[in-house]
Amino acid sequence: MLGLSARNATESDGMRASKTIGALCAVTMLLAGCHGHGPQGSGPGTQTGNGNPAKPGKGQEVELHWVHNAWKVSLNKGPDQDPDKAITRLDRDTVGPTMFAVDIPNNVTVKFRDTTPLDVWEGDNAKSQPQDGVNSTQILGPIVMNGGKQLIFFDLNQGAAVTLNYRLNFDHGPSVDPIIGNGGHN
């Protein structure tokens, strides 16, 4: 699903809209499946030891601010912090698929790139080894919206615990790279 918001020379607006709608439908079905209950293995979603799937996580709001020629990150309306300190933790076995909405305020002139607005790679000590594109099965999306000022993606938080390093890319200026600590879910 990488590049759902991307547009190439052969892609029409109708095809782009169809891809975006398809991605949103897939995520809706995924999240709806997380509400199923019943004996282990009897319903949709990943089961925990008591037969209940992990519930969808609370949506995460990430706001980017350009302060003194550097990016600052506000997580869920909290104070601005340096990107390397901006860590979102998703608890193990209690938080399932979680939506991330990353916003750029209108007074900042940059927008998310049309192509490759999000890079994701796994590893506790891999921050200094960025990889282009989405290199994790934990991430669905991204989708660029609101004239390039908002980026939406979903973190599944499934399987083994893993650190997801991510980089947000813009049409001009430096990228920014907060971290997601996936607790995982069995």
Protein backbone atom coordinates (compact mmCIF):
# COMPACT_ATOMS: atom_id res chain seq x y z
CA MET A 1 0.00 0.00 0.00
CA LEU A 2 3.01 2.25 0.00
CA GLY A 3 2.40 5.37 -2.04
CA LEU A 4 -1.40 5.36 -2.00
CA SER A 5 -1.25 9.10 -2.24
CA ALA A 6 1.47 9.03 -4.86
CA ARG A 7 0.66 10.03 -8.39
CA ASN A 8 2.56 8.96 -11.43
CA ALA A 9 2.23 9.88 -15.07
CA THR A 10 -0.05 6.95 -15.89
CA GLU A 11 -2.28 7.09 -12.85
CA SER A 12 -5.57 8.94 -13.16
CA ASP A 13 -7.31 10.79 -10.33
CA GLY A 14 -9.99 8.09 -10.39
CA MET A 15 -7.42 5.31 -9.92
CA ARG A 16 -5.76 7.25 -7.09
CA ALA A 17 -9.12 7.75 -5.37
CA SER A 18 -9.95 4.05 -5.82
CA LYS A 19 -6.67 3.04 -4.17
CA THR A 20 -7.26 5.38 -1.26
CA ILE A 21 -10.83 4.13 -0.77
CA GLY A 22 -9.60 0.53 -0.97
CA ALA A 23 -6.97 1.19 1.71
CA LEU A 24 -9.50 2.83 4.02
CA CYS A 25 -11.92 -0.08 3.55
CA ALA A 26 -9.18 -2.60 4.36
CA VAL A 27 -8.27 -0.73 7.53
CA THR A 28 -11.95 -0.46 8.52
CA MET A 29 -12.37 -4.24 8.17
CA LEU A 30 -9.18 -4.82 10.14
CA LEU A 31 -10.32 -2.59 12.98
CA ALA A 32 -13.82 -4.07 12.97
CA GLY A 33 -12.27 -7.53 13.33
CA CYS A 34 -10.51 -6.40 16.49
CA HIS A 35 -13.84 -6.16 18.29
CA GLY A 36 -14.76 -9.84 17.82
CA HIS A 37 -14.96 -11.99 20.95
CA GLY A 38 -15.19 -15.69 21.46
CA PRO A 39 -13.11 -18.78 22.07
CA GLN A 40 -9.54 -18.65 20.84
CA GLY A 41 -9.35 -19.16 17.10
CA SER A 42 -13.10 -18.78 16.57
CA GLY A 43 -13.25 -15.22 15.32
CA PRO A 44 -11.38 -12.52 13.51
CA GLY A 45 -8.47 -10.65 15.02
CA THR A 46 -5.46 -11.80 16.96
CA GLN A 47 -6.38 -13.70 20.11
CA THR A 48 -4.81 -13.32 23.53
CA GLY A 49 -4.65 -16.05 26.15
CA ASN A 50 -8.17 -15.26 27.40
CA GLY A 51 -9.70 -15.49 23.93
CA ASN A 52 -10.08 -11.74 23.41
CA PRO A 53 -8.33 -9.85 20.62
CA ALA A 54 -6.41 -6.69 21.37
CA LYS A 55 -8.66 -3.67 21.06
CA PRO A 56 -7.75 -0.93 18.58
CA GLY A 57 -5.41 1.57 20.16
CA LYS A 58 -6.33 5.16 20.90
CA GLY A 59 -5.57 7.30 17.87
CA GLN A 60 -2.22 9.03 18.11
CA GLU A 61 -1.92 12.72 17.24
CA VAL A 62 1.49 13.90 16.14
CA GLU A 63 1.94 17.60 15.40
CA LEU A 64 5.10 18.99 13.84
CA HIS A 65 6.38 22.47 14.64
CA TRP A 66 9.28 24.35 13.04
CA VAL A 67 11.05 26.14 15.91
CA HIS A 68 14.41 27.95 15.65
CA ASN A 69 15.31 26.18 12.37
CA ALA A 70 14.61 22.69 13.71
CA TRP A 71 11.64 20.32 13.91
CA LYS A 72 9.89 19.81 17.23
CA VAL A 73 7.27 17.11 17.81
CA SER A 74 4.16 17.28 19.99
CA LEU A 75 2.59 13.90 20.83
CA ASN A 76 -1.13 13.92 21.72
CA LYS A 77 -1.17 17.67 22.44
CA GLY A 78 1.82 17.37 24.80
CA PRO A 79 4.78 19.76 24.94
CA ASP A 80 7.15 20.17 22.01
CA GLN A 81 10.17 17.88 22.16
CA ASP A 82 13.12 16.91 20.01
CA PRO A 83 12.27 14.15 17.52
CA ASP A 84 14.74 11.66 19.06
CA LYS A 85 12.87 12.02 22.39
CA ALA A 86 9.41 11.70 20.78
CA ILE A 87 8.67 8.02 21.43
CA THR A 88 5.16 6.60 21.23
CA ARG A 89 4.79 3.30 23.11
CA LEU A 90 2.07 0.79 22.22
CA ASP A 91 1.54 -1.69 25.07
CA ARG A 92 2.00 -5.42 24.55
CA ASP A 93 -1.18 -7.54 24.25
CA THR A 94 -3.48 -4.65 25.19
CA VAL A 95 -3.20 -2.27 22.22
CA GLY A 96 -3.99 -3.50 18.73
CA PRO A 97 -4.07 -1.56 15.46
CA THR A 98 -3.50 2.14 16.09
CA MET A 99 -4.06 5.08 13.75
CA PHE A 100 -1.43 7.81 13.60
CA ALA A 101 -2.40 11.25 12.29
CA VAL A 102 0.60 13.48 11.67
CA ASP A 103 -0.23 17.14 11.10
CA ILE A 104 1.76 20.11 9.83
CA PRO A 105 0.22 23.43 10.93
CA ASN A 106 -0.88 25.72 8.11
CA ASN A 107 1.63 28.43 9.07
CA VAL A 108 4.51 26.06 8.12
CA THR A 109 5.19 26.16 4.37
CA VAL A 110 6.28 22.53 3.87
CA LYS A 111 3.97 19.68 2.84
CA PHE A 112 4.43 15.91 2.92
CA ARG A 113 6.00 14.50 -0.23
CA ASP A 114 3.58 13.11 -2.80
CA THR A 115 5.77 10.01 -3.11
CA THR A 116 7.54 8.34 -0.16
CA PRO A 117 6.15 10.64 2.55
CA LEU A 118 6.95 7.94 5.14
CA ASP A 119 9.96 5.68 5.65
CA VAL A 120 9.78 2.94 8.31
CA TRP A 121 12.42 0.42 9.41
CA GLU A 122 12.73 -1.92 12.38
CA GLY A 123 15.44 -2.23 15.02
CA ASP A 124 16.31 -1.02 18.53
CA ASN A 125 19.67 0.40 17.46
CA ALA A 126 18.84 1.13 13.84
CA LYS A 127 18.06 4.85 14.09
CA SER A 128 21.30 5.76 12.35
CA GLN A 129 20.61 3.25 9.54
CA PRO A 130 17.51 4.66 7.82
CA GLN A 131 15.83 2.72 5.02
CA ASP A 132 13.70 4.22 2.26
CA GLY A 133 10.06 3.17 2.02
CA VAL A 134 7.96 1.15 4.46
CA ASN A 135 10.10 -1.82 5.54
CA SER A 136 7.81 -3.34 8.16
CA THR A 137 4.67 -5.46 7.96
CA GLN A 138 3.42 -3.49 10.98
CA ILE A 139 2.53 -0.39 8.95
CA LEU A 140 -0.49 0.18 6.67
CA GLY A 141 -0.54 3.30 4.57
CA PRO A 142 0.53 6.05 4.35
CA ILE A 143 -2.18 8.30 3.01
CA VAL A 144 -1.48 12.02 2.46
CA MET A 145 -4.53 14.26 2.95
CA ASN A 146 -5.58 17.89 3.45
CA GLY A 147 -3.47 19.36 0.68
CA GLY A 148 -0.30 17.63 1.89
CA LYS A 149 -0.63 18.86 5.49
CA GLN A 150 -1.73 15.54 7.06
CA LEU A 151 -0.32 12.02 6.89
CA ILE A 152 -2.34 9.03 8.12
CA PHE A 153 -0.95 5.54 8.73
CA PHE A 154 -1.81 2.53 10.88
CA ASP A 155 0.49 0.55 13.15
CA LEU A 156 -0.82 -3.01 13.61
CA ASN A 157 1.22 -3.73 16.79
CA GLN A 158 1.11 -7.49 16.09
CA GLY A 159 3.61 -10.28 16.73
CA ALA A 160 6.89 -9.84 18.58
CA ALA A 161 7.83 -6.55 20.24
CA VAL A 162 9.82 -4.29 17.91
CA THR A 163 11.03 -0.71 17.70
CA LEU A 164 9.82 1.07 14.58
CA ASN A 165 11.98 3.96 13.44
CA TYR A 166 10.17 6.27 11.08
CA ARG A 167 11.08 9.28 9.03
CA LEU A 168 8.62 11.85 7.72
CA ASN A 169 9.64 13.34 4.36
CA PHE A 170 8.60 16.72 2.99
CA ASP A 171 8.54 18.51 -0.36
CA HIS A 172 11.47 20.65 0.85
CA GLY A 173 13.52 20.99 4.01
CA PRO A 174 14.89 18.36 6.41
CA SER A 175 12.99 15.21 7.37
CA VAL A 176 11.96 14.41 10.96
CA ASP A 177 12.23 11.01 12.64
CA PRO A 178 10.30 10.13 15.83
CA ILE A 179 10.07 6.51 17.14
CA ILE A 180 7.26 3.99 17.85
CA GLY A 181 7.89 1.30 20.48
CA ASN A 182 5.63 -1.61 19.45
CA GLY A 183 4.92 -3.89 22.41
CA GLY A 184 3.54 -6.50 20.03
CA HIS A 185 0.67 -8.94 20.41
CA ASN A 186 0.48 -12.72 20.30
